[in-house]
Structures are given as C-alpha cells and as structure tokens.
C-alpha atoms as a PDB file:
ATOM      1  CA  MET A   1      88.086  87.820  70.794  1.00  0.00           C
ATOM      2  CA  LYS A   2      87.116  91.043  71.744  1.00  0.00           C
ATOM      3  CA  LYS A   3      84.505  91.656  74.158  1.00  0.00           C
ATOM      4  CA  GLU A   4      82.081  94.647  74.163  1.00  0.00           C
ATOM      5  CA  LEU A   5      78.572  96.020  76.420  1.00  0.00           C
ATOM      6  CA  TYR A   6      76.339  98.950  76.156  1.00  0.00           C
ATOM      7  CA  ILE A   7      74.842  99.866  79.200  1.00  0.00           C
ATOM      8  CA  ILE A   8      71.568 101.794  79.140  1.00  0.00           C
ATOM      9  CA  HIS A   9      71.009 102.146  82.742  1.00  0.00           C
ATOM     10  CA  GLY A  10      67.805 103.010  83.189  1.00  0.00           C
ATOM     11  CA  TRP A  11      64.844 104.953  84.783  1.00  0.00           C
ATOM     12  CA  THR A  12      67.913 107.525  87.672  1.00  0.00           C
ATOM     13  CA  TYR A  13      68.921 109.863  85.777  1.00  0.00           C
ATOM     14  CA  SER A  14      72.930 108.871  86.033  1.00  0.00           C
ATOM     15  CA  ILE A  15      74.657 106.464  85.664  1.00  0.00           C
ATOM     16  CA  GLU A  16      76.685 106.909  88.692  1.00  0.00           C
ATOM     17  CA  PRO A  17      75.381 103.727  90.062  1.00  0.00           C
ATOM     18  CA  TRP A  18      77.135 101.381  87.201  1.00  0.00           C
ATOM     19  CA  THR A  19      80.676 103.117  88.342  1.00  0.00           C
ATOM     20  CA  SER A  20      81.757  99.676  90.112  1.00  0.00           C
ATOM     21  CA  VAL A  21      80.723  97.226  87.957  1.00  0.00           C
ATOM     22  CA  VAL A  22      81.856  98.821  84.943  1.00  0.00           C
ATOM     23  CA  SER A  23      85.489  99.440  86.923  1.00  0.00           C
ATOM     24  CA  ILE A  24      85.252  95.791  87.721  1.00  0.00           C
ATOM     25  CA  LEU A  25      84.175  94.699  83.885  1.00  0.00           C
ATOM     26  CA  ARG A  26      87.317  96.882  82.778  1.00  0.00           C
ATOM     27  CA  LEU A  27      89.443  94.380  84.024  1.00  0.00           C
ATOM     28  CA  LYS A  28      88.489  91.914  82.839  1.00  0.00           C
ATOM     29  CA  GLY A  29      89.068  92.205  80.167  1.00  0.00           C
ATOM     30  CA  VAL A  30      85.309  94.601  78.626  1.00  0.00           C
ATOM     31  CA  THR A  31      84.360  97.191  77.059  1.00  0.00           C
ATOM     32  CA  VAL A  32      82.061  99.100  77.883  1.00  0.00           C
ATOM     33  CA  HIS A  33      79.785 101.494  76.892  1.00  0.00           C
ATOM     34  CA  GLN A  34      77.142 103.092  79.170  1.00  0.00           C
ATOM     35  CA  LEU A  35      74.652 105.164  76.430  1.00  0.00           C
ATOM     36  CA  ARG A  36      72.945 108.362  77.777  1.00  0.00           C
ATOM     37  CA  VAL A  37      69.969 108.669  76.820  1.00  0.00           C
ATOM     38  CA  PRO A  38      68.063 111.210  76.031  1.00  0.00           C
ATOM     39  CA  GLY A  39      65.934 111.886  79.055  1.00  0.00           C
ATOM     40  CA  LEU A  40      67.182 108.794  80.790  1.00  0.00           C
ATOM     41  CA  THR A  41      70.894 110.614  82.044  1.00  0.00           C
ATOM     42  CA  ASN A  42      69.537 114.539  82.215  1.00  0.00           C
ATOM     43  CA  GLU A  43      66.149 115.082  82.443  1.00  0.00           C
ATOM     44  CA  SER A  44      63.773 116.555  78.729  1.00  0.00           C
ATOM     45  CA  ASP A  45      61.166 117.892  78.843  1.00  0.00           C
ATOM     46  CA  ALA A  46      61.495 116.989  75.221  1.00  0.00           C
ATOM     47  CA  VAL A  47      58.750 114.251  73.622  1.00  0.00           C
ATOM     48  CA  TRP A  48      60.541 111.370  71.791  1.00  0.00           C
ATOM     49  CA  ASP A  49      59.194 109.615  68.602  1.00  0.00           C
ATOM     50  CA  ILE A  50      60.497 107.218  65.685  1.00  0.00           C
ATOM     51  CA  GLY A  51      61.212 110.379  63.510  1.00  0.00           C
ATOM     52  CA  SER A  52      63.039 112.156  65.942  1.00  0.00           C
ATOM     53  CA  GLN A  53      66.770 112.780  65.467  1.00  0.00           C
END
C-alpha cells in the first residue's frame, strides 16, 4: 500500500521546521508533499476568497 502525506505547515511562513520530520517519513517509505499555500509560505497582502484562483 502506497503511503502519502500532505503537510500544510501552518502560520510560520516556512516549511523549514518540517525538514527533519519529512526526512524521517521518507526513510519510512512515506511520500510527503509539502503544500506551499499563498499567504502561509510567503508573506502576502492579497486577499484570498472562495473565488480566487
């Protein structure tokens, strides 16, 4: 069975704190995807709503 995990990192503006966790998960055979969400990964003044693409 293929194991996949999607990580939305939270309000830190960085995925760096997850580096060691991601490494361990990959060693265990988990495919990890770190989602880069506008406004969470990079600072943004844009207003996002349900109609934004």
